[in-house]
Protein backbone atom coordinates (compact mmCIF):
# COMPACT_ATOMS: atom_id res chain seq x y z
CA MET A 1 -64.62 -41.39 -28.16
CA LYS A 2 -65.84 -38.53 -30.38
CA LYS A 3 -68.59 -38.06 -28.35
CA ARG A 4 -65.85 -37.03 -25.36
CA LEU A 5 -63.85 -35.44 -27.44
CA ILE A 6 -66.45 -33.10 -29.18
CA GLY A 7 -67.75 -32.88 -25.35
CA VAL A 8 -64.28 -31.76 -24.16
CA LEU A 9 -63.46 -29.02 -26.98
CA GLY A 10 -67.30 -27.59 -26.39
CA ILE A 11 -66.37 -27.15 -22.38
CA ALA A 12 -63.30 -25.28 -23.65
CA ALA A 13 -64.54 -23.28 -26.01
CA THR A 14 -68.11 -22.11 -23.89
CA ALA A 15 -65.36 -21.63 -20.63
CA ALA A 16 -63.32 -19.13 -22.79
CA LEU A 17 -66.39 -17.11 -24.13
CA LEU A 18 -68.09 -17.28 -21.03
CA LEU A 19 -64.76 -15.61 -19.48
CA SER A 20 -64.45 -13.18 -22.40
CA ALA A 21 -67.89 -12.06 -21.06
CA CYS A 22 -66.73 -11.75 -17.81
CA SER A 23 -63.88 -9.51 -19.16
CA GLY A 24 -65.76 -6.74 -20.24
CA THR A 25 -67.11 -5.87 -16.53
CA GLY A 26 -64.06 -3.42 -16.21
CA GLN A 27 -62.75 -5.29 -13.49
CA GLU A 28 -58.97 -6.15 -13.36
CA GLN A 29 -57.73 -9.75 -13.93
CA THR A 30 -54.50 -11.43 -12.18
CA THR A 31 -52.26 -12.98 -14.82
CA GLY A 32 -51.49 -16.10 -13.82
CA ASP A 33 -47.95 -17.03 -13.83
CA GLN A 34 -46.84 -13.78 -15.71
CA GLY A 35 -45.97 -11.56 -13.03
CA GLY A 36 -48.84 -12.35 -10.41
CA GLY A 37 -50.14 -8.70 -10.78
CA ASP A 38 -53.28 -7.34 -11.81
CA ALA A 39 -53.55 -6.22 -16.17
CA SER A 40 -57.03 -6.19 -18.18
CA PRO A 41 -56.63 -8.24 -21.18
CA SER A 42 -55.92 -4.83 -23.06
CA ASP A 43 -52.70 -5.60 -21.94
CA LEU A 44 -51.76 -9.05 -22.70
CA SER A 45 -50.21 -10.25 -25.61
CA TYR A 46 -49.84 -13.25 -27.28
CA ALA A 47 -47.48 -14.90 -30.31
CA VAL A 48 -48.47 -17.64 -32.20
CA VAL A 49 -45.68 -19.35 -34.26
CA THR A 50 -46.44 -22.13 -36.13
CA HIS A 51 -43.85 -24.34 -39.48
CA ALA A 52 -46.54 -22.31 -42.35
CA ALA A 53 -44.82 -22.28 -46.18
CA PRO A 54 -46.19 -18.90 -48.27
CA GLY A 55 -49.14 -19.54 -49.61
CA ASP A 56 -50.27 -22.41 -47.76
CA ALA A 57 -54.60 -21.95 -47.62
CA PHE A 58 -55.02 -24.22 -44.69
CA TRP A 59 -52.81 -22.08 -41.88
CA ASP A 60 -54.87 -18.77 -42.86
CA ARG A 61 -57.76 -20.45 -41.40
CA VAL A 62 -54.87 -21.16 -38.08
CA LYS A 63 -54.22 -17.68 -37.94
CA SER A 64 -58.14 -16.36 -38.48
CA GLY A 65 -58.98 -18.58 -35.74
CA ALA A 66 -56.51 -17.17 -33.85
CA GLU A 67 -56.64 -13.49 -34.37
CA LYS A 68 -60.39 -13.61 -33.70
CA ALA A 69 -59.78 -14.97 -30.39
CA GLY A 70 -57.62 -11.74 -29.54
CA SER A 71 -60.12 -10.37 -30.82
CA ASP A 72 -62.74 -11.10 -29.31
CA TYR A 73 -60.80 -11.48 -26.16
CA GLY A 74 -59.12 -7.77 -26.77
CA ALA A 75 -55.54 -9.38 -26.73
CA ALA A 76 -52.73 -8.97 -29.27
CA VAL A 77 -52.10 -11.25 -31.13
CA THR A 78 -49.07 -11.48 -33.47
CA TYR A 79 -48.69 -14.05 -36.02
CA ASN A 80 -45.29 -15.11 -37.83
CA SER A 81 -44.46 -18.29 -39.55
CA ASP A 82 -40.85 -20.03 -41.17
CA PRO A 83 -41.06 -23.94 -42.93
CA ASP A 84 -36.85 -23.64 -41.75
CA PRO A 85 -36.86 -25.20 -37.92
CA ALA A 86 -33.82 -22.94 -37.08
CA LYS A 87 -35.62 -19.80 -38.49
CA GLN A 88 -38.54 -20.69 -37.07
CA SER A 89 -36.81 -21.35 -33.32
CA GLN A 90 -35.63 -17.59 -33.51
CA LEU A 91 -39.04 -16.52 -34.35
CA ILE A 92 -40.01 -18.64 -30.89
CA ASP A 93 -36.68 -16.34 -29.19
CA ASN A 94 -38.04 -13.14 -30.59
CA ALA A 95 -41.36 -13.87 -28.84
CA ILE A 96 -39.86 -14.60 -25.87
CA ALA A 97 -37.66 -11.32 -25.58
CA GLN A 98 -40.25 -9.30 -26.08
CA GLY A 99 -41.92 -10.44 -22.86
CA VAL A 100 -45.40 -11.85 -24.83
CA ASP A 101 -48.05 -13.03 -22.22
CA GLY A 102 -47.94 -16.69 -23.86
CA ILE A 103 -46.77 -17.94 -27.12
CA VAL A 104 -48.52 -20.81 -29.36
CA VAL A 105 -46.35 -22.47 -31.26
CA SER A 106 -46.66 -26.18 -34.10
CA MET A 107 -43.82 -28.41 -33.77
CA ALA A 108 -43.42 -29.95 -36.82
CA ASN A 109 -39.92 -31.06 -36.02
CA PRO A 110 -39.73 -30.72 -32.15
CA ASP A 111 -36.44 -31.61 -31.92
CA GLY A 112 -35.16 -28.57 -33.58
CA LEU A 113 -37.38 -26.59 -31.67
CA GLN A 114 -37.19 -27.87 -27.89
CA ALA A 115 -34.28 -25.42 -26.70
CA SER A 116 -36.71 -22.53 -28.22
CA VAL A 117 -39.65 -24.53 -26.29
CA GLU A 118 -38.37 -24.92 -23.00
CA ARG A 119 -36.40 -21.38 -23.06
CA ALA A 120 -39.90 -20.18 -23.06
CA VAL A 121 -41.19 -22.24 -20.28
CA ALA A 122 -38.17 -21.58 -17.84
CA ALA A 123 -38.88 -17.80 -18.72
CA GLY A 124 -43.03 -18.00 -17.44
CA ILE A 125 -44.04 -18.08 -20.62
CA PRO A 126 -46.83 -20.96 -21.32
CA ILE A 127 -46.99 -22.72 -24.89
CA VAL A 128 -49.53 -24.33 -26.11
CA THR A 129 -48.93 -26.29 -29.41
CA ILE A 130 -51.09 -27.08 -32.71
CA ASN A 131 -50.89 -28.82 -35.40
CA SER A 132 -48.14 -30.84 -35.02
CA GLY A 133 -46.18 -31.48 -32.17
CA ILE A 134 -48.50 -34.08 -29.94
CA GLU A 135 -46.04 -36.59 -29.31
CA LYS A 136 -43.23 -33.96 -27.13
CA PHE A 137 -45.77 -31.05 -25.96
CA ALA A 138 -45.66 -32.54 -22.16
CA GLU A 139 -42.14 -33.51 -21.82
CA PHE A 140 -41.22 -30.03 -23.74
CA GLY A 141 -43.05 -28.63 -20.55
CA ALA A 142 -46.64 -27.03 -22.85
CA ILE A 143 -49.62 -26.93 -21.14
CA THR A 144 -51.61 -28.63 -23.93
CA HIS A 145 -51.34 -29.54 -27.37
CA ILE A 146 -54.84 -29.17 -29.47
CA GLY A 147 -54.66 -30.93 -32.98
CA GLN A 148 -55.63 -34.22 -34.12
CA SER A 149 -53.63 -37.55 -33.54
CA GLU A 150 -52.33 -37.77 -37.01
CA SER A 151 -52.66 -41.83 -36.52
CA ILE A 152 -55.81 -42.09 -35.89
CA ALA A 153 -57.12 -40.14 -38.85
CA GLY A 154 -54.05 -41.82 -41.38
CA ALA A 155 -56.17 -44.90 -39.74
CA ALA A 156 -59.53 -43.97 -40.34
CA VAL A 157 -58.54 -43.05 -43.75
CA GLY A 158 -56.62 -46.34 -44.70
CA GLU A 159 -59.88 -48.24 -44.08
CA ARG A 160 -62.30 -46.11 -45.74
CA LEU A 161 -59.72 -46.07 -48.86
CA SER A 162 -59.92 -49.86 -48.65
CA ALA A 163 -63.83 -49.35 -48.48
CA GLU A 164 -64.10 -47.71 -51.90
CA GLY A 165 -61.97 -50.13 -53.52
CA ALA A 166 -58.55 -48.64 -53.93
CA THR A 167 -55.29 -51.66 -53.93
CA ASN A 168 -52.78 -49.32 -55.41
CA ALA A 169 -52.26 -45.76 -53.87
CA LEU A 170 -50.18 -42.54 -53.56
CA CYS A 171 -49.81 -40.49 -50.15
CA VAL A 172 -48.63 -36.85 -51.59
CA ILE A 173 -45.83 -35.17 -48.72
CA GLN A 174 -45.70 -31.99 -49.55
CA GLU A 175 -43.23 -30.77 -47.11
CA ALA A 176 -40.04 -32.68 -45.94
CA GLY A 177 -39.06 -33.41 -42.64
CA ASN A 178 -42.49 -33.08 -41.42
CA ILE A 179 -43.36 -35.86 -38.65
CA GLY A 180 -46.74 -35.06 -38.74
CA LEU A 181 -47.37 -35.62 -42.02
CA GLU A 182 -45.08 -38.90 -42.65
CA GLU A 183 -46.96 -39.91 -39.55
CA ARG A 184 -50.21 -39.47 -41.56
CA CYS A 185 -49.08 -41.41 -44.41
CA SER A 186 -47.48 -44.51 -42.66
CA ALA A 187 -50.65 -44.93 -40.80
CA ALA A 188 -52.96 -44.32 -43.91
CA ALA A 189 -50.55 -47.25 -45.01
CA GLY A 190 -50.67 -49.39 -42.17
CA THR A 191 -54.85 -49.79 -42.21
CA PHE A 192 -54.99 -49.72 -46.05
CA GLY A 193 -55.69 -53.18 -48.18
CA GLY A 194 -53.55 -52.34 -50.93
CA THR A 195 -50.71 -50.56 -51.82
CA MET A 196 -49.73 -47.60 -50.98
CA GLU A 197 -46.04 -45.20 -52.12
CA ASN A 198 -45.43 -41.95 -50.06
CA LEU A 199 -45.02 -39.67 -53.65
CA GLN A 200 -42.79 -35.78 -52.23
CA VAL A 201 -43.65 -32.98 -53.55
CA ASP A 202 -42.45 -28.93 -53.49
CA GLY A 203 -45.72 -28.17 -51.07
CA THR A 204 -44.61 -24.32 -52.85
CA ASN A 205 -44.78 -24.99 -56.38
CA ASP A 206 -48.73 -25.73 -57.19
CA ALA A 207 -47.58 -26.00 -60.70
CA GLU A 208 -45.37 -28.72 -59.74
CA VAL A 209 -47.09 -30.02 -57.64
CA LYS A 210 -49.59 -31.38 -60.01
CA ALA A 211 -47.31 -32.07 -62.79
CA THR A 212 -45.27 -34.92 -61.16
CA ILE A 213 -48.76 -36.32 -59.77
CA LYS A 214 -49.64 -36.44 -63.07
CA SER A 215 -46.40 -37.60 -64.22
CA LYS A 216 -46.10 -40.66 -61.42
CA LEU A 217 -50.06 -41.75 -62.97
CA GLN A 218 -48.58 -41.57 -66.45
CA ALA A 219 -46.03 -44.27 -65.91
CA ASP A 220 -48.32 -46.18 -63.59
CA PRO A 221 -52.23 -46.95 -64.89
CA SER A 222 -52.75 -49.41 -62.09
CA ILE A 223 -52.88 -45.89 -59.65
CA ASP A 224 -56.58 -46.27 -58.75
CA ALA A 225 -56.15 -43.73 -55.51
CA VAL A 226 -54.37 -40.41 -54.78
CA LEU A 227 -54.21 -39.30 -51.24
CA THR A 228 -52.88 -35.84 -50.50
CA LEU A 229 -52.34 -33.99 -47.29
CA GLY A 230 -53.42 -30.43 -47.67
CA GLY A 231 -56.32 -28.97 -49.40
CA GLN A 232 -54.95 -26.88 -52.22
CA TYR A 233 -52.87 -29.92 -53.14
CA ALA A 234 -56.03 -32.45 -53.39
CA ILE A 235 -56.93 -29.61 -56.38
CA ASP A 236 -53.79 -30.03 -58.14
CA ALA A 237 -54.07 -33.79 -57.70
CA VAL A 238 -57.34 -33.54 -59.39
CA GLY A 239 -56.33 -31.48 -62.31
CA ALA A 240 -53.21 -34.34 -62.64
CA VAL A 241 -55.91 -36.94 -62.95
CA GLU A 242 -57.62 -35.09 -65.40
CA GLU A 243 -54.50 -34.27 -67.48
CA SER A 244 -53.33 -37.91 -67.42
CA GLY A 245 -56.54 -39.51 -68.07
CA SER A 246 -56.18 -41.64 -64.82
CA ALA A 247 -59.36 -43.15 -63.67
CA ALA A 248 -57.44 -42.85 -60.30
CA LYS A 249 -59.72 -41.33 -57.45
CA VAL A 250 -58.72 -38.37 -54.59
CA ALA A 251 -58.85 -38.00 -51.40
CA THR A 252 -57.11 -35.92 -48.94
CA PHE A 253 -56.71 -34.30 -45.88
CA ASP A 254 -57.74 -30.49 -44.54
CA LEU A 255 -59.89 -28.40 -46.46
CA SER A 256 -60.26 -25.37 -48.49
CA GLU A 257 -63.40 -23.53 -50.49
CA ASP A 258 -62.74 -25.45 -53.36
CA VAL A 259 -61.99 -28.33 -51.87
CA VAL A 260 -65.74 -28.64 -50.41
CA THR A 261 -66.52 -28.07 -53.71
CA ALA A 262 -65.04 -30.81 -55.56
CA VAL A 263 -66.24 -32.80 -52.86
CA GLY A 264 -70.02 -32.03 -53.32
CA GLU A 265 -69.33 -32.46 -56.95
CA GLY A 266 -67.90 -35.75 -56.81
CA LYS A 267 -64.31 -35.01 -57.75
CA ILE A 268 -63.34 -35.71 -54.48
CA LEU A 269 -63.81 -38.59 -52.62
CA PHE A 270 -63.94 -37.47 -49.12
CA ALA A 271 -61.56 -34.91 -46.97
CA VAL A 272 -60.15 -35.28 -43.61
CA ASP A 273 -60.75 -32.45 -41.33
CA GLN A 274 -58.59 -31.21 -38.63
CA GLN A 275 -60.78 -27.66 -38.42
CA PRO A 276 -57.60 -24.77 -38.31
CA TYR A 277 -59.49 -22.10 -37.55
CA VAL A 278 -60.78 -24.15 -34.28
CA GLN A 279 -56.74 -25.11 -33.32
CA GLY A 280 -55.42 -21.49 -33.45
CA PHE A 281 -59.26 -20.21 -32.08
CA LEU A 282 -58.70 -22.55 -29.12
CA GLY A 283 -54.81 -21.75 -29.35
CA VAL A 284 -55.24 -18.40 -27.94
CA ALA A 285 -57.99 -18.99 -25.88
CA ALA A 286 -56.23 -22.18 -23.65
CA LEU A 287 -53.37 -19.15 -23.01
CA TYR A 288 -56.13 -16.88 -21.64
CA LEU A 289 -57.42 -18.32 -20.02
CA LYS A 290 -53.51 -18.78 -18.23
CA SER A 291 -53.15 -15.43 -18.56
CA ILE A 292 -56.62 -14.49 -16.70
CA ASN A 293 -58.03 -17.25 -14.59
CA GLY A 294 -54.38 -19.66 -14.39
CA ASN A 295 -56.43 -22.83 -15.93
CA ASP A 296 -54.20 -25.61 -17.31
CA ILE A 297 -56.30 -27.11 -20.03
CA GLY A 298 -56.54 -30.96 -20.90
CA GLY A 299 -55.18 -31.87 -17.94
CA GLY A 300 -52.20 -33.07 -19.16
CA GLN A 301 -53.77 -34.39 -22.11
CA PRO A 302 -54.26 -33.18 -26.18
CA VAL A 303 -57.41 -31.68 -26.80
CA TYR A 304 -58.21 -33.50 -30.08
CA SER A 305 -60.38 -31.30 -32.95
CA GLY A 306 -60.60 -33.72 -35.77
CA PRO A 307 -60.39 -36.22 -37.72
CA ALA A 308 -64.17 -35.18 -38.72
CA PHE A 309 -65.04 -36.38 -42.46
CA VAL A 310 -66.41 -34.03 -45.17
CA THR A 311 -68.23 -36.34 -47.97
CA LYS A 312 -71.07 -35.51 -50.79
CA ASP A 313 -73.78 -35.74 -47.88
CA ASN A 314 -72.33 -33.21 -45.88
CA ALA A 315 -70.91 -30.82 -48.36
CA ALA A 316 -73.19 -28.37 -49.03
CA GLN A 317 -73.34 -27.50 -44.37
CA VAL A 318 -69.87 -27.09 -44.93
CA ALA A 319 -69.22 -24.80 -47.80
CA GLU A 320 -71.38 -22.32 -46.30
CA PHE A 321 -68.90 -21.96 -43.86
CA ALA A 322 -65.52 -22.67 -45.98
CA LYS A 323 -66.90 -19.73 -48.08
CA LYS A 324 -66.20 -17.73 -44.66
CA GLY A 325 -62.85 -18.79 -44.42
CA THR A 326 -63.61 -20.92 -41.23
CA ARG A 327 -63.19 -24.42 -42.01
């Protein structure tokens, strides 16, 4: 299954690059559903609207991927985010009013965004969802979804923690109401051989995240694993383990350069990479293909960007890309 998914990503990325090369010939391209007239890539504009909270390094990589695609294709890409579903909806509505050629949306709270997403579709603006919203993208009218299945990834993590000998784990949720994060913990708990408890923290304050985890570890010395759902929170967890004197092992979803280093040093067991740079890049690439060639990638199914495991065995290789801010 993994080989097939990788193949789908490779085909989508290769097609996007080939079409990008063709667009440099000076020939005018049609814009598909957006008016049906002639347009050059420089006339195309896309909005990327995510639920990112300020200071979240994960979303910096999504933004970088989207902007790189825009640069490669000669299209204008604007990035905006807000963790509040109502405010994120307003950002989508603003993009509709601006008459963009397509919108990339992350749907951590699908119900809160449904009306805005459907307004965009009704206006003839193609939508691609990324990261969160895999269960609802087709229902809302989006072309495809690019991301990982949180249930598949979570189940793999639960099994891996069990194989490491853990029996009492914390699953640290940094954003209240994010159904994707909740699904990760639920799926991990479902395959974990021991007990797994959710721990809610404020992901906008790393000092508080570390303090909350530290307090929990001090209160319950039997906790032997901490699973975080974002790279920067894994670093907080490593600090909490060290300061509390706990013997708990840390594992995490998502990467940062610090996380890759910590995995290589054995301070973090493993990291699950859903490849956020890929999500941003392919989100824009999918819209670009729709604009210039009328393509709908994915065949009505999601395009998986993960999960991929980073362990001590491959950390050095991944670190080279993490230094560039793309992993």
